[in-house]
C-alpha atoms as a PDB file:
ATOM      1  CA  MET A   1     122.316 108.856 180.508  1.00  0.00           C
ATOM      2  CA  THR A   2     119.993 111.364 179.035  1.00  0.00           C
ATOM      3  CA  ALA A   3     120.904 115.489 178.879  1.00  0.00           C
ATOM      4  CA  ARG A   4     118.828 118.101 177.615  1.00  0.00           C
ATOM      5  CA  LEU A   5     120.114 120.639 174.985  1.00  0.00           C
ATOM      6  CA  ASN A   6     118.154 123.756 174.428  1.00  0.00           C
ATOM      7  CA  LEU A   7     118.465 125.612 171.136  1.00  0.00           C
ATOM      8  CA  ALA A   8     115.844 128.520 171.264  1.00  0.00           C
ATOM      9  CA  ASP A   9     112.230 126.931 171.592  1.00  0.00           C
ATOM     10  CA  LEU A  10     113.540 123.706 170.874  1.00  0.00           C
ATOM     11  CA  THR A  11     114.595 120.713 173.346  1.00  0.00           C
ATOM     12  CA  ILE A  12     116.777 118.135 172.133  1.00  0.00           C
ATOM     13  CA  GLU A  13     117.104 115.015 174.115  1.00  0.00           C
ATOM     14  CA  VAL A  14     121.020 113.781 174.021  1.00  0.00           C
ATOM     15  CA  ASP A  15     121.507 110.013 175.037  1.00  0.00           C
ATOM     16  CA  ARG A  16     125.003 108.888 175.165  1.00  0.00           C
ATOM     17  CA  LYS A  17     125.845 105.670 174.113  1.00  0.00           C
ATOM     18  CA  PRO A  18     128.997 103.583 173.173  1.00  0.00           C
ATOM     19  CA  ILE A  19     129.023 104.596 169.794  1.00  0.00           C
ATOM     20  CA  LYS A  20     131.510 106.172 166.935  1.00  0.00           C
ATOM     21  CA  HIS A  21     128.919 108.446 165.119  1.00  0.00           C
ATOM     22  CA  LEU A  22     126.040 110.993 166.116  1.00  0.00           C
ATOM     23  CA  HIS A  23     122.441 109.745 165.127  1.00  0.00           C
ATOM     24  CA  LEU A  24     119.581 112.105 164.804  1.00  0.00           C
ATOM     25  CA  GLY A  25     115.778 111.300 164.821  1.00  0.00           C
ATOM     26  CA  VAL A  26     112.642 113.099 164.982  1.00  0.00           C
ATOM     27  CA  TYR A  27     109.711 111.235 166.685  1.00  0.00           C
ATOM     28  CA  PRO A  28     105.840 111.317 166.734  1.00  0.00           C
ATOM     29  CA  PRO A  29     103.621 112.045 168.230  1.00  0.00           C
ATOM     30  CA  ASP A  30     104.863 115.589 168.908  1.00  0.00           C
ATOM     31  CA  GLY A  31     108.050 115.937 167.027  1.00  0.00           C
ATOM     32  CA  ARG A  32     110.352 115.115 169.986  1.00  0.00           C
ATOM     33  CA  VAL A  33     113.778 115.122 168.806  1.00  0.00           C
ATOM     34  CA  ARG A  34     116.304 112.732 169.881  1.00  0.00           C
ATOM     35  CA  VAL A  35     120.376 113.061 169.323  1.00  0.00           C
ATOM     36  CA  ALA A  36     122.653 109.686 170.023  1.00  0.00           C
ATOM     37  CA  ALA A  37     125.868 110.685 170.707  1.00  0.00           C
ATOM     38  CA  PRO A  38     129.196 108.837 171.603  1.00  0.00           C
ATOM     39  CA  GLU A  39     130.270 108.897 175.456  1.00  0.00           C
ATOM     40  CA  ARG A  40     133.412 111.202 175.038  1.00  0.00           C
ATOM     41  CA  MET A  41     131.832 113.585 172.947  1.00  0.00           C
ATOM     42  CA  THR A  42     131.544 116.859 174.455  1.00  0.00           C
ATOM     43  CA  MET A  43     128.039 119.017 174.696  1.00  0.00           C
ATOM     44  CA  ASP A  44     129.401 121.745 172.802  1.00  0.00           C
ATOM     45  CA  ALA A  45     130.206 119.266 169.675  1.00  0.00           C
ATOM     46  CA  VAL A  46     126.917 117.855 170.042  1.00  0.00           C
ATOM     47  CA  ARG A  47     125.295 121.483 169.896  1.00  0.00           C
ATOM     48  CA  LEU A  48     127.170 122.427 166.952  1.00  0.00           C
ATOM     49  CA  PHE A  49     126.068 119.414 165.337  1.00  0.00           C
ATOM     50  CA  ALA A  50     122.404 119.880 166.133  1.00  0.00           C
ATOM     51  CA  ILE A  51     122.668 123.520 164.621  1.00  0.00           C
ATOM     52  CA  SER A  52     124.213 122.152 161.565  1.00  0.00           C
ATOM     53  CA  LYS A  53     121.000 120.058 161.245  1.00  0.00           C
ATOM     54  CA  LEU A  54     118.273 122.482 162.546  1.00  0.00           C
ATOM     55  CA  PRO A  55     117.242 123.185 158.969  1.00  0.00           C
ATOM     56  CA  TRP A  56     116.391 119.281 158.866  1.00  0.00           C
ATOM     57  CA  ILE A  57     115.018 119.075 162.006  1.00  0.00           C
ATOM     58  CA  LYS A  58     112.473 121.515 161.178  1.00  0.00           C
ATOM     59  CA  ARG A  59     111.259 120.457 158.115  1.00  0.00           C
ATOM     60  CA  GLN A  60     110.878 116.693 159.845  1.00  0.00           C
ATOM     61  CA  ARG A  61     108.743 118.327 162.535  1.00  0.00           C
ATOM     62  CA  GLN A  62     106.677 120.081 160.141  1.00  0.00           C
ATOM     63  CA  LYS A  63     106.022 117.036 157.888  1.00  0.00           C
ATOM     64  CA  LEU A  64     105.492 115.105 161.122  1.00  0.00           C
ATOM     65  CA  LEU A  65     102.986 117.321 162.634  1.00  0.00           C
ATOM     66  CA  ALA A  66     101.144 117.737 159.585  1.00  0.00           C
ATOM     67  CA  GLN A  67     100.805 113.845 158.763  1.00  0.00           C
ATOM     68  CA  ALA A  68      97.478 112.049 159.095  1.00  0.00           C
ATOM     69  CA  ARG A  69      96.984 110.048 162.240  1.00  0.00           C
ATOM     70  CA  GLU A  70      94.603 107.154 163.051  1.00  0.00           C
ATOM     71  CA  ALA A  71      91.999 107.987 165.289  1.00  0.00           C
ATOM     72  CA  PRO A  72      91.880 106.057 168.435  1.00  0.00           C
ATOM     73  CA  ARG A  73      89.904 102.766 168.405  1.00  0.00           C
ATOM     74  CA  GLU A  74      87.235 101.746 170.288  1.00  0.00           C
ATOM     75  CA  TYR A  75      86.425  98.571 168.745  1.00  0.00           C
ATOM     76  CA  LEU A  76      83.246  98.979 167.652  1.00  0.00           C
ATOM     77  CA  GLU A  77      81.111  96.924 165.179  1.00  0.00           C
ATOM     78  CA  ARG A  78      81.925  98.226 161.465  1.00  0.00           C
ATOM     79  CA  GLU A  79      84.997 100.014 162.732  1.00  0.00           C
ATOM     80  CA  SER A  80      87.849 100.665 160.387  1.00  0.00           C
ATOM     81  CA  HIS A  81      90.935  98.347 160.808  1.00  0.00           C
ATOM     82  CA  TYR A  82      93.976  97.889 158.537  1.00  0.00           C
ATOM     83  CA  VAL A  83      95.644  94.634 157.957  1.00  0.00           C
ATOM     84  CA  TRP A  84      98.730  94.806 155.427  1.00  0.00           C
ATOM     85  CA  GLY A  85      97.689  98.127 154.082  1.00  0.00           C
ATOM     86  CA  ARG A  86      94.190  97.265 153.487  1.00  0.00           C
ATOM     87  CA  ARG A  87      90.949  98.816 155.089  1.00  0.00           C
ATOM     88  CA  TYR A  88      88.549  96.009 156.735  1.00  0.00           C
ATOM     89  CA  LEU A  89      85.658  96.701 158.673  1.00  0.00           C
ATOM     90  CA  LEU A  90      85.381  95.334 162.429  1.00  0.00           C
ATOM     91  CA  ASN A  91      82.808  92.231 162.651  1.00  0.00           C
ATOM     92  CA  ILE A  92      82.049  91.352 165.965  1.00  0.00           C
ATOM     93  CA  VAL A  93      80.629  87.824 166.544  1.00  0.00           C
ATOM     94  CA  GLU A  94      79.670  86.690 169.868  1.00  0.00           C
ATOM     95  CA  ALA A  95      80.396  82.556 170.409  1.00  0.00           C
ATOM     96  CA  ASP A  96      81.910  79.875 172.689  1.00  0.00           C
ATOM     97  CA  GLY A  97      85.119  79.016 172.658  1.00  0.00           C
ATOM     98  CA  ARG A  98      88.566  80.936 172.713  1.00  0.00           C
ATOM     99  CA  PRO A  99      88.639  84.006 171.091  1.00  0.00           C
ATOM    100  CA  SER A 100      89.909  84.289 167.136  1.00  0.00           C
ATOM    101  CA  VAL A 101      90.307  86.467 164.449  1.00  0.00           C
ATOM    102  CA  GLU A 102      89.973  85.976 160.664  1.00  0.00           C
ATOM    103  CA  LEU A 103      89.740  87.954 157.546  1.00  0.00           C
ATOM    104  CA  LYS A 104      86.704  87.408 155.345  1.00  0.00           C
ATOM    105  CA  HIS A 105      86.139  89.244 152.324  1.00  0.00           C
ATOM    106  CA  ARG A 106      86.728  93.022 153.858  1.00  0.00           C
ATOM    107  CA  LYS A 107      85.590  92.615 157.469  1.00  0.00           C
ATOM    108  CA  LEU A 108      88.025  91.614 160.405  1.00  0.00           C
ATOM    109  CA  GLN A 109      85.695  89.294 162.318  1.00  0.00           C
ATOM    110  CA  LEU A 110      86.415  89.160 165.838  1.00  0.00           C
ATOM    111  CA  ARG A 111      84.839  86.159 167.802  1.00  0.00           C
ATOM    112  CA  VAL A 112      84.602  86.147 171.550  1.00  0.00           C
ATOM    113  CA  ARG A 113      82.435  85.094 174.224  1.00  0.00           C
ATOM    114  CA  ALA A 114      79.555  87.212 175.175  1.00  0.00           C
ATOM    115  CA  GLU A 115      81.155  87.791 178.465  1.00  0.00           C
ATOM    116  CA  VAL A 116      84.509  89.057 177.634  1.00  0.00           C
ATOM    117  CA  GLU A 117      84.775  93.130 178.089  1.00  0.00           C
ATOM    118  CA  GLN A 118      84.935  95.316 175.281  1.00  0.00           C
ATOM    119  CA  ALA A 119      88.110  96.391 176.886  1.00  0.00           C
ATOM    120  CA  ARG A 120      89.696  92.996 175.947  1.00  0.00           C
ATOM    121  CA  TYR A 121      89.066  93.279 172.196  1.00  0.00           C
ATOM    122  CA  GLY A 122      92.156  95.580 171.528  1.00  0.00           C
ATOM    123  CA  GLU A 123      94.341  93.076 173.416  1.00  0.00           C
ATOM    124  CA  ILE A 124      92.940  90.101 171.309  1.00  0.00           C
ATOM    125  CA  LEU A 125      93.614  91.949 167.991  1.00  0.00           C
ATOM    126  CA  ASP A 126      97.039  92.972 169.011  1.00  0.00           C
ATOM    127  CA  GLU A 127      98.083  89.407 169.718  1.00  0.00           C
ATOM    128  CA  TRP A 128      96.435  88.577 166.313  1.00  0.00           C
ATOM    129  CA  TYR A 129      98.683  91.197 165.077  1.00  0.00           C
ATOM    130  CA  ARG A 130     101.703  89.833 166.308  1.00  0.00           C
ATOM    131  CA  ALA A 131     101.074  86.763 165.205  1.00  0.00           C
ATOM    132  CA  SER A 132     100.479  87.510 161.990  1.00  0.00           C
ATOM    133  CA  LEU A 133     103.729  89.562 161.552  1.00  0.00           C
ATOM    134  CA  ARG A 134     105.546  86.859 163.260  1.00  0.00           C
ATOM    135  CA  ALA A 135     104.565  84.657 160.320  1.00  0.00           C
ATOM    136  CA  ALA A 136     104.955  87.409 157.458  1.00  0.00           C
ATOM    137  CA  VAL A 137     108.411  87.661 158.778  1.00  0.00           C
ATOM    138  CA  GLU A 138     109.734  84.320 158.950  1.00  0.00           C
ATOM    139  CA  PRO A 139     109.798  83.743 154.852  1.00  0.00           C
ATOM    140  CA  LEU A 140     111.685  86.924 154.614  1.00  0.00           C
ATOM    141  CA  LEU A 141     114.123  85.971 157.074  1.00  0.00           C
ATOM    142  CA  TYR A 142     114.616  82.672 154.723  1.00  0.00           C
ATOM    143  CA  LYS A 143     115.130  84.908 151.705  1.00  0.00           C
ATOM    144  CA  TRP A 144     117.417  87.610 153.587  1.00  0.00           C
ATOM    145  CA  GLU A 145     119.647  86.164 155.792  1.00  0.00           C
ATOM    146  CA  PRO A 146     121.795  84.125 153.289  1.00  0.00           C
ATOM    147  CA  LEU A 147     121.614  87.074 150.830  1.00  0.00           C
ATOM    148  CA  LEU A 148     123.227  89.384 153.295  1.00  0.00           C
ATOM    149  CA  ASN A 149     125.536  86.856 155.035  1.00  0.00           C
ATOM    150  CA  VAL A 150     123.749  87.410 158.680  1.00  0.00           C
ATOM    151  CA  LYS A 151     121.980  85.148 160.866  1.00  0.00           C
ATOM    152  CA  VAL A 152     119.208  86.698 163.883  1.00  0.00           C
ATOM    153  CA  LYS A 153     119.657  84.648 167.146  1.00  0.00           C
ATOM    154  CA  ARG A 154     116.285  86.334 168.369  1.00  0.00           C
ATOM    155  CA  LEU A 155     113.131  87.916 166.800  1.00  0.00           C
ATOM    156  CA  PHE A 156     111.049  90.050 168.959  1.00  0.00           C
ATOM    157  CA  VAL A 157     107.720  91.230 167.974  1.00  0.00           C
ATOM    158  CA  GLN A 158     106.377  93.901 170.151  1.00  0.00           C
ATOM    159  CA  ARG A 159     104.414  97.236 170.243  1.00  0.00           C
ATOM    160  CA  MET A 160     107.119 100.129 170.049  1.00  0.00           C
ATOM    161  CA  ARG A 161     106.442 103.744 170.843  1.00  0.00           C
ATOM    162  CA  THR A 162     109.197 105.519 168.795  1.00  0.00           C
ATOM    163  CA  LYS A 163     110.702 103.028 166.001  1.00  0.00           C
ATOM    164  CA  TRP A 164     109.635 100.615 163.328  1.00  0.00           C
ATOM    165  CA  GLY A 165     112.154  98.139 164.214  1.00  0.00           C
ATOM    166  CA  SER A 166     115.643  98.206 165.928  1.00  0.00           C
ATOM    167  CA  CYS A 167     118.415  95.661 166.248  1.00  0.00           C
ATOM    168  CA  ASN A 168     121.216  94.700 168.753  1.00  0.00           C
ATOM    169  CA  SER A 169     124.384  93.574 166.319  1.00  0.00           C
ATOM    170  CA  GLU A 170     126.173  92.016 169.013  1.00  0.00           C
ATOM    171  CA  ALA A 171     123.467  89.665 170.519  1.00  0.00           C
ATOM    172  CA  LYS A 172     122.190  89.695 166.820  1.00  0.00           C
ATOM    173  CA  HIS A 173     118.580  90.396 168.215  1.00  0.00           C
ATOM    174  CA  VAL A 174     116.219  92.360 166.017  1.00  0.00           C
ATOM    175  CA  ARG A 175     112.891  93.667 167.160  1.00  0.00           C
ATOM    176  CA  LEU A 176     109.943  95.037 165.145  1.00  0.00           C
ATOM    177  CA  ASN A 177     106.905  96.783 165.962  1.00  0.00           C
ATOM    178  CA  THR A 178     103.744  94.950 165.754  1.00  0.00           C
ATOM    179  CA  GLU A 179     102.149  98.057 163.749  1.00  0.00           C
ATOM    180  CA  LEU A 180     103.940  97.225 160.714  1.00  0.00           C
ATOM    181  CA  ALA A 181     101.225  94.381 160.525  1.00  0.00           C
ATOM    182  CA  LYS A 182      98.879  97.136 159.654  1.00  0.00           C
ATOM    183  CA  LYS A 183     101.029  98.735 156.783  1.00  0.00           C
ATOM    184  CA  PRO A 184     101.725  97.441 153.533  1.00  0.00           C
ATOM    185  CA  PRO A 185     103.798  94.303 153.007  1.00  0.00           C
ATOM    186  CA  GLU A 186     106.810  95.883 151.068  1.00  0.00           C
ATOM    187  CA  CYS A 187     106.982  98.322 154.219  1.00  0.00           C
ATOM    188  CA  LEU A 188     108.072  95.455 156.732  1.00  0.00           C
ATOM    189  CA  GLU A 189     110.523  94.081 154.006  1.00  0.00           C
ATOM    190  CA  TYR A 190     111.862  97.114 154.170  1.00  0.00           C
ATOM    191  CA  ILE A 191     112.300  97.774 157.860  1.00  0.00           C
ATOM    192  CA  LEU A 192     113.504  94.255 158.267  1.00  0.00           C
ATOM    193  CA  VAL A 193     116.407  94.554 155.246  1.00  0.00           C
ATOM    194  CA  HIS A 194     117.266  98.013 157.185  1.00  0.00           C
ATOM    195  CA  GLU A 195     117.786  95.927 160.325  1.00  0.00           C
ATOM    196  CA  LEU A 196     119.742  93.070 159.034  1.00  0.00           C
ATOM    197  CA  VAL A 197     121.988  95.362 157.362  1.00  0.00           C
ATOM    198  CA  HIS A 198     122.589  96.736 160.679  1.00  0.00           C
ATOM    199  CA  LEU A 199     123.759  93.849 161.882  1.00  0.00           C
ATOM    200  CA  ARG A 200     126.731  94.245 159.863  1.00  0.00           C
ATOM    201  CA  PHE A 201     126.975  97.698 159.862  1.00  0.00           C
ATOM    202  CA  ARG A 202     126.085  99.582 162.836  1.00  0.00           C
ATOM    203  CA  THR A 203     125.745 103.279 161.631  1.00  0.00           C
ATOM    204  CA  HIS A 204     123.910 104.826 158.753  1.00  0.00           C
ATOM    205  CA  GLY A 205     127.354 105.375 157.416  1.00  0.00           C
ATOM    206  CA  PRO A 206     128.759 105.083 153.614  1.00  0.00           C
ATOM    207  CA  ARG A 207     128.922 100.970 154.032  1.00  0.00           C
ATOM    208  CA  PHE A 208     125.470 100.877 155.185  1.00  0.00           C
ATOM    209  CA  VAL A 209     124.198 102.910 152.562  1.00  0.00           C
ATOM    210  CA  ALA A 210     125.817 101.033 149.782  1.00  0.00           C
ATOM    211  CA  MET A 211     124.703  97.836 150.866  1.00  0.00           C
ATOM    212  CA  MET A 212     121.059  99.253 150.720  1.00  0.00           C
ATOM    213  CA  ASP A 213     121.500 100.848 147.469  1.00  0.00           C
ATOM    214  CA  ALA A 214     122.797  97.136 146.574  1.00  0.00           C
ATOM    215  CA  VAL A 215     120.296  94.657 147.811  1.00  0.00           C
ATOM    216  CA  LEU A 216     117.081  96.995 148.091  1.00  0.00           C
ATOM    217  CA  PRO A 217     117.796  99.749 145.460  1.00  0.00           C
ATOM    218  CA  GLN A 218     114.167 100.909 145.950  1.00  0.00           C
ATOM    219  CA  TRP A 219     114.425 101.726 150.018  1.00  0.00           C
ATOM    220  CA  ARG A 220     114.198 105.439 149.953  1.00  0.00           C
ATOM    221  CA  ASP A 221     110.902 105.208 148.250  1.00  0.00           C
ATOM    222  CA  LEU A 222     109.776 102.637 150.677  1.00  0.00           C
ATOM    223  CA  ARG A 223     111.100 104.580 153.692  1.00  0.00           C
ATOM    224  CA  GLU A 224     108.931 107.753 152.388  1.00  0.00           C
ATOM    225  CA  MET A 225     105.689 105.649 151.549  1.00  0.00           C
ATOM    226  CA  LEU A 226     106.131 104.348 155.288  1.00  0.00           C
ATOM    227  CA  ASN A 227     106.776 107.687 156.833  1.00  0.00           C
ATOM    228  CA  GLN A 228     103.640 109.096 154.706  1.00  0.00           C
ATOM    229  CA  LEU A 229     101.308 106.705 155.931  1.00  0.00           C
ATOM    230  CA  PRO A 230      98.810 107.479 158.967  1.00  0.00           C
ATOM    231  CA  LEU A 231     100.372 107.621 161.967  1.00  0.00           C
ATOM    232  CA  THR A 232      99.907 105.452 165.540  1.00  0.00           C
ATOM    233  CA  ASP A 233     102.560 105.417 167.976  1.00  0.00           C
ATOM    234  CA  ALA A 234     105.538 104.164 165.331  1.00  0.00           C
ATOM    235  CA  ALA A 235     108.158 106.580 164.344  1.00  0.00           C
ATOM    236  CA  LYS A 236     110.032 107.509 161.294  1.00  0.00           C
ATOM    237  CA  ILE A 237     113.597 105.849 160.889  1.00  0.00           C
ATOM    238  CA  GLY A 238     115.869 108.704 162.108  1.00  0.00           C
ATOM    239  CA  LYS A 239     118.534 110.565 160.050  1.00  0.00           C
END
């Protein structure tokens, strides 16, 4: 159940969930603020928590609104696209056969039939990004699952509007945002480790932070780097 809390000129979404602790996040593109709160917590208690975090909320919203944003893609020849943090120019080649995408030098080559409508180009590239991300995650899972003593039962790679990743600690499911295939590889590793640690500790409490510090000491730097990159629809990790 979602409620709304008004503080001066700020509206905060409050989602009731079966959790023990409050979780606060500020999300793009317009600085939407959301609090996940335990089901039995009173709205007055949520209000006091939000008031105590107002300086942090305002700083995050200012940073978010000032952050660079990627221009909407039109899928035109020599348009800029990013793959694993590097810039490539789109090269559209008309050819028979199934659509395909390939990196050639500094070009992102999209091969399509002449009759394929331009509106389909984005779908073809999205599917390629999704497959690329899934392929990149497999060796990372092989590396990190035994180190963290966890096992992912299902991995989902999909477009996510408000998160880089999420997990279901009970079902052992992890979801990753397809947009991570456009960011530097170390950002993907950070988000994956973040979600795998959540399979052990559901909240960002002391045990979660201690494990992140132990296994990925540079995780705060990686989080900052990811959050400073140009935004699309993906979001920051909340507080």
